């Protein structure tokens, strides 16, 4: 009787562990791994095993850091499983990372982990968390490379996600180093093109520059799209981005 009670509260009950040999994937790729279950002292019924792709981030608003925590995707692994005492089971899993229009990549304070839930009736559900890294797709990486080619350095605050879009912030080191304080980009990957919102922040100069900064009149925002057909290499994207920055800066 006491053994059954202990099993229900998680003492001597089945345990679960997730192993992902390669815990990183690009948007749209598949993660492969194994769920290892080890039975406890008694036979146990497992109603369901699921894998949750969890996202967590922080973003600044009104001088405060606000958290973002949400389930991106859930994959059911198995249902109605009976685990015998001391039995060891290995269940292979494959989890596809969604290629979503607004799914952020791992950057700065934005990160992911896989959450394994083992649902046992009337028991404390054991869980296992495994950190994973979501990499940009090749087109988004090409955009990042183009920004670096122009001499922009990513800041420590870059990569914050507010639940709707992800912000990447850069400071100039060569190109427009005297004119711009920083730039911010907000990319969204579509099926056939990359949409980019670009914000130019002009460097303050004197009292008038300070007034313009306070009134946000020293900023210029523009949106543009690049079809994947035109993204053959980073040099071509670098040239396009350079032209956009030069043209839009004239309008500040």
C-alpha atoms as a PDB file:
ATOM      1  CA  UNK A   1       0.000   0.000   0.000  1.00  0.00           C
ATOM      2  CA  UNK A   2       2.772   2.427   0.947  1.00  0.00           C
ATOM      3  CA  UNK A   3       4.637   1.592  -2.271  1.00  0.00           C
ATOM      4  CA  UNK A   4       1.555   2.551  -4.307  1.00  0.00           C
ATOM      5  CA  UNK A   5       1.248   5.819  -2.377  1.00  0.00           C
ATOM      6  CA  UNK A   6       4.904   6.657  -2.929  1.00  0.00           C
ATOM      7  CA  UNK A   7       4.585   5.860  -6.628  1.00  0.00           C
ATOM      8  CA  UNK A   8       1.664   8.255  -6.950  1.00  0.00           C
ATOM      9  CA  UNK A   9       3.627  11.164  -5.478  1.00  0.00           C
ATOM     10  CA  UNK A  10       6.664  10.434  -7.642  1.00  0.00           C
ATOM     11  CA  UNK A  11       8.847   8.401  -5.256  1.00  0.00           C
ATOM     12  CA  UNK A  12       9.926   5.151  -6.869  1.00  0.00           C
ATOM     13  CA  UNK A  13       7.874   5.926  -9.972  1.00  0.00           C
ATOM     14  CA  UNK A  14       8.906   5.801 -13.619  1.00  0.00           C
ATOM     15  CA  UNK A  15      11.485   8.326 -14.781  1.00  0.00           C
ATOM     16  CA  UNK A  16      11.942   9.858 -18.203  1.00  0.00           C
ATOM     17  CA  UNK A  17      14.951  11.354 -19.933  1.00  0.00           C
ATOM     18  CA  UNK A  18      15.359  13.012 -23.313  1.00  0.00           C
ATOM     19  CA  UNK A  19      18.535  12.717 -25.347  1.00  0.00           C
ATOM     20  CA  UNK A  20      19.098  14.865 -28.438  1.00  0.00           C
ATOM     21  CA  UNK A  21      22.568  14.158 -29.909  1.00  0.00           C
ATOM     22  CA  UNK A  22      22.519  17.316 -32.043  1.00  0.00           C
ATOM     23  CA  UNK A  23      20.529  19.952 -30.103  1.00  0.00           C
ATOM     24  CA  UNK A  24      20.508  22.576 -32.852  1.00  0.00           C
ATOM     25  CA  UNK A  25      18.544  23.026 -36.053  1.00  0.00           C
ATOM     26  CA  UNK A  26      17.630  25.666 -38.585  1.00  0.00           C
ATOM     27  CA  UNK A  27      14.086  26.906 -38.941  1.00  0.00           C
ATOM     28  CA  UNK A  28      12.175  24.232 -40.857  1.00  0.00           C
ATOM     29  CA  UNK A  29      14.607  21.418 -40.014  1.00  0.00           C
ATOM     30  CA  UNK A  30      13.992  18.329 -37.870  1.00  0.00           C
ATOM     31  CA  UNK A  31      15.460  17.443 -34.480  1.00  0.00           C
ATOM     32  CA  UNK A  32      15.990  13.748 -33.764  1.00  0.00           C
ATOM     33  CA  UNK A  33      16.438  12.106 -30.398  1.00  0.00           C
ATOM     34  CA  UNK A  34      15.322   9.433 -27.962  1.00  0.00           C
ATOM     35  CA  UNK A  35      13.064   9.306 -24.941  1.00  0.00           C
ATOM     36  CA  UNK A  36      14.372   6.849 -22.351  1.00  0.00           C
ATOM     37  CA  UNK A  37      11.909   5.559 -19.762  1.00  0.00           C
ATOM     38  CA  UNK A  38      12.907   3.523 -16.729  1.00  0.00           C
ATOM     39  CA  UNK A  39      10.237   1.798 -14.667  1.00  0.00           C
ATOM     40  CA  UNK A  40      10.038   2.254 -10.921  1.00  0.00           C
ATOM     41  CA  UNK A  41       9.141  -0.215  -8.180  1.00  0.00           C
ATOM     42  CA  UNK A  42       5.621  -0.859  -9.448  1.00  0.00           C
ATOM     43  CA  UNK A  43       3.826  -1.287 -12.737  1.00  0.00           C
ATOM     44  CA  UNK A  44       2.609   2.099 -13.950  1.00  0.00           C
ATOM     45  CA  UNK A  45       0.174   3.251 -16.581  1.00  0.00           C
ATOM     46  CA  UNK A  46       1.395   6.190 -18.660  1.00  0.00           C
ATOM     47  CA  UNK A  47      -1.495   8.007 -20.296  1.00  0.00           C
ATOM     48  CA  UNK A  48       0.572  10.153 -22.620  1.00  0.00           C
ATOM     49  CA  UNK A  49       4.091  11.257 -23.505  1.00  0.00           C
ATOM     50  CA  UNK A  50       4.390  14.604 -25.276  1.00  0.00           C
ATOM     51  CA  UNK A  51       7.175  16.906 -26.416  1.00  0.00           C
ATOM     52  CA  UNK A  52       6.716  20.666 -26.127  1.00  0.00           C
ATOM     53  CA  UNK A  53       8.907  23.170 -27.938  1.00  0.00           C
ATOM     54  CA  UNK A  54       9.168  26.008 -25.417  1.00  0.00           C
ATOM     55  CA  UNK A  55      10.260  29.576 -26.125  1.00  0.00           C
ATOM     56  CA  UNK A  56      11.465  32.090 -23.568  1.00  0.00           C
ATOM     57  CA  UNK A  57      12.707  35.635 -24.015  1.00  0.00           C
ATOM     58  CA  UNK A  58      12.870  39.080 -22.453  1.00  0.00           C
ATOM     59  CA  UNK A  59      12.248  42.486 -23.969  1.00  0.00           C
ATOM     60  CA  UNK A  60      12.472  46.023 -22.636  1.00  0.00           C
ATOM     61  CA  UNK A  61       9.385  48.209 -22.418  1.00  0.00           C
ATOM     62  CA  UNK A  62       8.904  51.335 -20.348  1.00  0.00           C
ATOM     63  CA  UNK A  63      12.225  50.823 -18.598  1.00  0.00           C
ATOM     64  CA  UNK A  64      11.289  47.314 -17.472  1.00  0.00           C
ATOM     65  CA  UNK A  65      12.231  43.832 -18.642  1.00  0.00           C
ATOM     66  CA  UNK A  66       9.143  41.853 -19.581  1.00  0.00           C
ATOM     67  CA  UNK A  67       9.230  38.054 -19.970  1.00  0.00           C
ATOM     68  CA  UNK A  68       7.880  35.988 -22.856  1.00  0.00           C
ATOM     69  CA  UNK A  69       7.176  32.297 -22.233  1.00  0.00           C
ATOM     70  CA  UNK A  70       5.090  30.180 -24.556  1.00  0.00           C
ATOM     71  CA  UNK A  71       4.631  26.777 -26.151  1.00  0.00           C
ATOM     72  CA  UNK A  72       5.527  27.003 -29.828  1.00  0.00           C
ATOM     73  CA  UNK A  73       4.583  23.470 -30.840  1.00  0.00           C
ATOM     74  CA  UNK A  74       3.487  20.207 -29.215  1.00  0.00           C
ATOM     75  CA  UNK A  75       4.094  16.723 -30.577  1.00  0.00           C
ATOM     76  CA  UNK A  76       2.399  13.650 -29.097  1.00  0.00           C
ATOM     77  CA  UNK A  77       4.857  10.744 -28.867  1.00  0.00           C
ATOM     78  CA  UNK A  78       2.840   7.836 -27.461  1.00  0.00           C
ATOM     79  CA  UNK A  79      -0.395   7.188 -25.560  1.00  0.00           C
ATOM     80  CA  UNK A  80      -1.644   4.354 -23.358  1.00  0.00           C
ATOM     81  CA  UNK A  81       1.710   2.864 -22.332  1.00  0.00           C
ATOM     82  CA  UNK A  82       2.214   0.398 -19.451  1.00  0.00           C
ATOM     83  CA  UNK A  83       5.663   0.476 -17.850  1.00  0.00           C
ATOM     84  CA  UNK A  84       6.678  -2.630 -15.910  1.00  0.00           C
ATOM     85  CA  UNK A  85       8.854  -2.455 -12.755  1.00  0.00           C
ATOM     86  CA  UNK A  86      12.497  -1.702 -13.647  1.00  0.00           C
ATOM     87  CA  UNK A  87      11.634  -1.911 -17.356  1.00  0.00           C
ATOM     88  CA  UNK A  88      13.716   0.242 -19.691  1.00  0.00           C
ATOM     89  CA  UNK A  89      12.176   1.616 -22.867  1.00  0.00           C
ATOM     90  CA  UNK A  90      13.697   3.699 -25.658  1.00  0.00           C
ATOM     91  CA  UNK A  91      11.339   5.618 -27.944  1.00  0.00           C
ATOM     92  CA  UNK A  92      12.825   7.430 -30.973  1.00  0.00           C
ATOM     93  CA  UNK A  93      11.376  10.869 -31.684  1.00  0.00           C
ATOM     94  CA  UNK A  94      11.516  13.389 -34.512  1.00  0.00           C
ATOM     95  CA  UNK A  95      10.451  16.965 -33.934  1.00  0.00           C
ATOM     96  CA  UNK A  96      10.106  19.387 -36.838  1.00  0.00           C
ATOM     97  CA  UNK A  97      10.958  23.006 -36.076  1.00  0.00           C
ATOM     98  CA  UNK A  98       8.243  25.173 -37.656  1.00  0.00           C
ATOM     99  CA  UNK A  99       9.255  27.519 -40.462  1.00  0.00           C
ATOM    100  CA  UNK A 100       7.038  30.280 -39.169  1.00  0.00           C
ATOM    101  CA  UNK A 101       6.801  33.855 -40.360  1.00  0.00           C
ATOM    102  CA  UNK A 102       7.428  35.225 -36.873  1.00  0.00           C
ATOM    103  CA  UNK A 103       9.331  32.464 -35.079  1.00  0.00           C
ATOM    104  CA  UNK A 104      12.524  33.972 -33.611  1.00  0.00           C
ATOM    105  CA  UNK A 105      15.971  32.402 -33.633  1.00  0.00           C
ATOM    106  CA  UNK A 106      18.163  31.741 -30.600  1.00  0.00           C
ATOM    107  CA  UNK A 107      19.912  35.027 -29.923  1.00  0.00           C
ATOM    108  CA  UNK A 108      20.783  37.029 -26.826  1.00  0.00           C
ATOM    109  CA  UNK A 109      17.988  36.624 -24.294  1.00  0.00           C
ATOM    110  CA  UNK A 110      15.849  34.519 -26.645  1.00  0.00           C
ATOM    111  CA  UNK A 111      16.225  30.765 -26.194  1.00  0.00           C
ATOM    112  CA  UNK A 112      14.410  27.450 -26.577  1.00  0.00           C
ATOM    113  CA  UNK A 113      14.117  24.151 -24.796  1.00  0.00           C
ATOM    114  CA  UNK A 114      12.280  20.870 -25.314  1.00  0.00           C
ATOM    115  CA  UNK A 115       9.979  19.864 -22.491  1.00  0.00           C
ATOM    116  CA  UNK A 116       9.062  16.214 -22.031  1.00  0.00           C
ATOM    117  CA  UNK A 117       5.877  15.485 -20.075  1.00  0.00           C
ATOM    118  CA  UNK A 118       5.128  11.983 -18.787  1.00  0.00           C
ATOM    119  CA  UNK A 119       1.446  11.858 -17.821  1.00  0.00           C
ATOM    120  CA  UNK A 120       0.834   9.291 -15.067  1.00  0.00           C
ATOM    121  CA  UNK A 121      -2.638   9.096 -13.451  1.00  0.00           C
ATOM    122  CA  UNK A 122      -2.763  10.600  -9.945  1.00  0.00           C
ATOM    123  CA  UNK A 123       0.975  11.238  -9.921  1.00  0.00           C
ATOM    124  CA  UNK A 124       3.307  14.180 -10.044  1.00  0.00           C
ATOM    125  CA  UNK A 125       4.253  14.298 -13.704  1.00  0.00           C
ATOM    126  CA  UNK A 126       8.026  14.000 -14.123  1.00  0.00           C
ATOM    127  CA  UNK A 127       9.453  16.317 -16.753  1.00  0.00           C
ATOM    128  CA  UNK A 128      12.772  16.711 -18.516  1.00  0.00           C
ATOM    129  CA  UNK A 129      14.020  19.970 -20.042  1.00  0.00           C
ATOM    130  CA  UNK A 130      16.681  20.060 -22.735  1.00  0.00           C
ATOM    131  CA  UNK A 131      18.060  23.296 -24.159  1.00  0.00           C
ATOM    132  CA  UNK A 132      18.191  23.518 -27.944  1.00  0.00           C
ATOM    133  CA  UNK A 133      19.441  26.145 -30.374  1.00  0.00           C
ATOM    134  CA  UNK A 134      17.310  27.398 -33.265  1.00  0.00           C
ATOM    135  CA  UNK A 135      19.531  28.724 -36.060  1.00  0.00           C
ATOM    136  CA  UNK A 136      18.517  31.168 -38.806  1.00  0.00           C
ATOM    137  CA  UNK A 137      17.655  29.774 -42.221  1.00  0.00           C
ATOM    138  CA  UNK A 138      20.227  30.372 -44.960  1.00  0.00           C
ATOM    139  CA  UNK A 139      18.475  33.505 -46.233  1.00  0.00           C
ATOM    140  CA  UNK A 140      18.287  35.120 -42.813  1.00  0.00           C
ATOM    141  CA  UNK A 141      21.921  34.186 -42.210  1.00  0.00           C
ATOM    142  CA  UNK A 142      22.781  35.849 -45.525  1.00  0.00           C
ATOM    143  CA  UNK A 143      21.156  39.055 -44.270  1.00  0.00           C
ATOM    144  CA  UNK A 144      23.184  38.891 -41.044  1.00  0.00           C
ATOM    145  CA  UNK A 145      26.364  38.337 -43.070  1.00  0.00           C
ATOM    146  CA  UNK A 146      25.537  41.352 -45.245  1.00  0.00           C
ATOM    147  CA  UNK A 147      25.140  43.552 -42.163  1.00  0.00           C
ATOM    148  CA  UNK A 148      28.508  42.340 -40.858  1.00  0.00           C
ATOM    149  CA  UNK A 149      30.099  42.968 -44.268  1.00  0.00           C
ATOM    150  CA  UNK A 150      29.135  46.635 -43.932  1.00  0.00           C
ATOM    151  CA  UNK A 151      30.993  46.817 -40.622  1.00  0.00           C
ATOM    152  CA  UNK A 152      28.016  46.791 -38.256  1.00  0.00           C
ATOM    153  CA  UNK A 153      28.585  45.120 -34.880  1.00  0.00           C
ATOM    154  CA  UNK A 154      25.711  43.404 -33.100  1.00  0.00           C
ATOM    155  CA  UNK A 155      25.007  44.827 -29.626  1.00  0.00           C
ATOM    156  CA  UNK A 156      24.522  42.879 -26.402  1.00  0.00           C
ATOM    157  CA  UNK A 157      20.807  43.765 -26.382  1.00  0.00           C
ATOM    158  CA  UNK A 158      20.201  42.261 -29.822  1.00  0.00           C
ATOM    159  CA  UNK A 159      17.780  39.377 -30.290  1.00  0.00           C
ATOM    160  CA  UNK A 160      14.979  40.342 -27.894  1.00  0.00           C
ATOM    161  CA  UNK A 161      11.542  38.976 -28.823  1.00  0.00           C
ATOM    162  CA  UNK A 162       8.316  40.598 -27.606  1.00  0.00           C
ATOM    163  CA  UNK A 163       5.937  37.839 -28.666  1.00  0.00           C
ATOM    164  CA  UNK A 164       5.277  39.395 -32.088  1.00  0.00           C
ATOM    165  CA  UNK A 165       8.642  40.166 -33.670  1.00  0.00           C
ATOM    166  CA  UNK A 166      12.369  39.847 -32.955  1.00  0.00           C
ATOM    167  CA  UNK A 167      14.639  42.882 -32.883  1.00  0.00           C
ATOM    168  CA  UNK A 168      18.296  42.860 -33.943  1.00  0.00           C
ATOM    169  CA  UNK A 169      20.384  45.900 -33.036  1.00  0.00           C
ATOM    170  CA  UNK A 170      23.728  46.940 -34.548  1.00  0.00           C
ATOM    171  CA  UNK A 171      26.250  49.759 -34.182  1.00  0.00           C
ATOM    172  CA  UNK A 172      28.406  51.007 -37.085  1.00  0.00           C
ATOM    173  CA  UNK A 173      32.186  50.635 -36.929  1.00  0.00           C
ATOM    174  CA  UNK A 174      33.154  51.842 -40.427  1.00  0.00           C
ATOM    175  CA  UNK A 175      30.265  52.437 -42.832  1.00  0.00           C
ATOM    176  CA  UNK A 176      28.241  55.507 -41.665  1.00  0.00           C
ATOM    177  CA  UNK A 177      30.108  55.459 -38.342  1.00  0.00           C
ATOM    178  CA  UNK A 178      29.927  59.277 -38.076  1.00  0.00           C
ATOM    179  CA  UNK A 179      26.315  59.556 -39.167  1.00  0.00           C
ATOM    180  CA  UNK A 180      24.473  56.701 -37.445  1.00  0.00           C
ATOM    181  CA  UNK A 181      24.221  55.804 -33.786  1.00  0.00           C
ATOM    182  CA  UNK A 182      22.730  52.373 -34.527  1.00  0.00           C
ATOM    183  CA  UNK A 183      20.386  50.458 -36.772  1.00  0.00           C
ATOM    184  CA  UNK A 184      17.667  47.969 -35.908  1.00  0.00           C
ATOM    185  CA  UNK A 185      16.233  45.312 -38.174  1.00  0.00           C
ATOM    186  CA  UNK A 186      13.062  43.247 -37.860  1.00  0.00           C
ATOM    187  CA  UNK A 187      13.147  40.406 -40.429  1.00  0.00           C
ATOM    188  CA  UNK A 188      10.266  38.078 -41.256  1.00  0.00           C
ATOM    189  CA  UNK A 189      10.798  34.963 -43.382  1.00  0.00           C
ATOM    190  CA  UNK A 190       8.007  34.287 -45.866  1.00  0.00           C
ATOM    191  CA  UNK A 191       7.648  31.340 -48.219  1.00  0.00           C
ATOM    192  CA  UNK A 192       9.352  33.006 -51.192  1.00  0.00           C
ATOM    193  CA  UNK A 193      10.847  36.208 -49.812  1.00  0.00           C
ATOM    194  CA  UNK A 194      12.421  37.893 -46.824  1.00  0.00           C
ATOM    195  CA  UNK A 195      10.636  40.982 -45.507  1.00  0.00           C
ATOM    196  CA  UNK A 196      12.777  43.440 -43.558  1.00  0.00           C
ATOM    197  CA  UNK A 197      11.838  46.463 -41.477  1.00  0.00           C
ATOM    198  CA  UNK A 198      14.885  48.710 -41.015  1.00  0.00           C
ATOM    199  CA  UNK A 199      15.210  51.550 -38.496  1.00  0.00           C
ATOM    200  CA  UNK A 200      18.043  54.083 -38.820  1.00  0.00           C
ATOM    201  CA  UNK A 201      18.952  56.045 -35.690  1.00  0.00           C
ATOM    202  CA  UNK A 202      20.945  59.181 -36.489  1.00  0.00           C
ATOM    203  CA  UNK A 203      23.809  60.175 -34.190  1.00  0.00           C
ATOM    204  CA  UNK A 204      23.135  63.172 -31.937  1.00  0.00           C
ATOM    205  CA  UNK A 205      25.047  66.353 -32.778  1.00  0.00           C
ATOM    206  CA  UNK A 206      24.691  69.372 -30.511  1.00  0.00           C
ATOM    207  CA  UNK A 207      21.646  70.811 -28.770  1.00  0.00           C
ATOM    208  CA  UNK A 208      19.428  70.595 -31.860  1.00  0.00           C
ATOM    209  CA  UNK A 209      20.379  66.969 -32.315  1.00  0.00           C
ATOM    210  CA  UNK A 210      19.371  66.283 -28.720  1.00  0.00           C
ATOM    211  CA  UNK A 211      15.959  67.887 -29.286  1.00  0.00           C
ATOM    212  CA  UNK A 212      15.428  65.867 -32.455  1.00  0.00           C
ATOM    213  CA  UNK A 213      16.407  62.705 -30.592  1.00  0.00           C
ATOM    214  CA  UNK A 214      13.928  63.371 -27.776  1.00  0.00           C
ATOM    215  CA  UNK A 215      11.179  63.912 -30.347  1.00  0.00           C
ATOM    216  CA  UNK A 216      12.268  60.811 -32.336  1.00  0.00           C
ATOM    217  CA  UNK A 217      12.791  63.038 -35.380  1.00  0.00           C
ATOM    218  CA  UNK A 218      16.296  61.676 -35.910  1.00  0.00           C
ATOM    219  CA  UNK A 219      14.996  58.251 -36.946  1.00  0.00           C
ATOM    220  CA  UNK A 220      13.981  56.814 -40.274  1.00  0.00           C
ATOM    221  CA  UNK A 221      12.165  53.535 -40.823  1.00  0.00           C
ATOM    222  CA  UNK A 222      11.653  51.682 -44.068  1.00  0.00           C
ATOM    223  CA  UNK A 223      10.423  48.255 -45.098  1.00  0.00           C
ATOM    224  CA  UNK A 224      11.607  46.281 -48.094  1.00  0.00           C
ATOM    225  CA  UNK A 225      11.448  42.747 -49.440  1.00  0.00           C
ATOM    226  CA  UNK A 226      14.061  40.522 -51.044  1.00  0.00           C
ATOM    227  CA  UNK A 227      12.959  37.507 -53.038  1.00  0.00           C
ATOM    228  CA  UNK A 228      14.944  34.357 -52.371  1.00  0.00           C
ATOM    229  CA  UNK A 229      15.714  34.182 -56.091  1.00  0.00           C
ATOM    230  CA  UNK A 230      17.703  37.405 -55.718  1.00  0.00           C
ATOM    231  CA  UNK A 231      19.589  36.158 -52.662  1.00  0.00           C
ATOM    232  CA  UNK A 232      22.284  34.191 -54.442  1.00  0.00           C
ATOM    233  CA  UNK A 233      25.096  35.289 -52.132  1.00  0.00           C
ATOM    234  CA  UNK A 234      25.872  37.694 -49.287  1.00  0.00           C
ATOM    235  CA  UNK A 235      27.696  40.145 -51.592  1.00  0.00           C
ATOM    236  CA  UNK A 236      24.529  40.826 -53.561  1.00  0.00           C
ATOM    237  CA  UNK A 237      22.530  41.349 -50.364  1.00  0.00           C
ATOM    238  CA  UNK A 238      25.305  43.589 -49.003  1.00  0.00           C
ATOM    239  CA  UNK A 239      25.082  45.826 -52.072  1.00  0.00           C
ATOM    240  CA  UNK A 240      21.296  46.091 -51.769  1.00  0.00           C
ATOM    241  CA  UNK A 241      21.416  46.864 -48.049  1.00  0.00           C
ATOM    242  CA  UNK A 242      24.101  49.514 -48.590  1.00  0.00           C
ATOM    243  CA  UNK A 243      21.947  51.245 -51.204  1.00  0.00           C
ATOM    244  CA  UNK A 244      18.886  51.199 -48.930  1.00  0.00           C
ATOM    245  CA  UNK A 245      20.793  52.721 -45.994  1.00  0.00           C
ATOM    246  CA  UNK A 246      22.380  55.432 -48.153  1.00  0.00           C
ATOM    247  CA  UNK A 247      19.064  56.375 -49.753  1.00  0.00           C
ATOM    248  CA  UNK A 248      17.004  56.376 -46.557  1.00  0.00           C
ATOM    249  CA  UNK A 249      19.587  58.331 -44.552  1.00  0.00           C
ATOM    250  CA  UNK A 250      19.118  61.252 -46.952  1.00  0.00           C
ATOM    251  CA  UNK A 251      15.472  61.444 -45.845  1.00  0.00           C
ATOM    252  CA  UNK A 252      16.167  61.954 -42.138  1.00  0.00           C
END
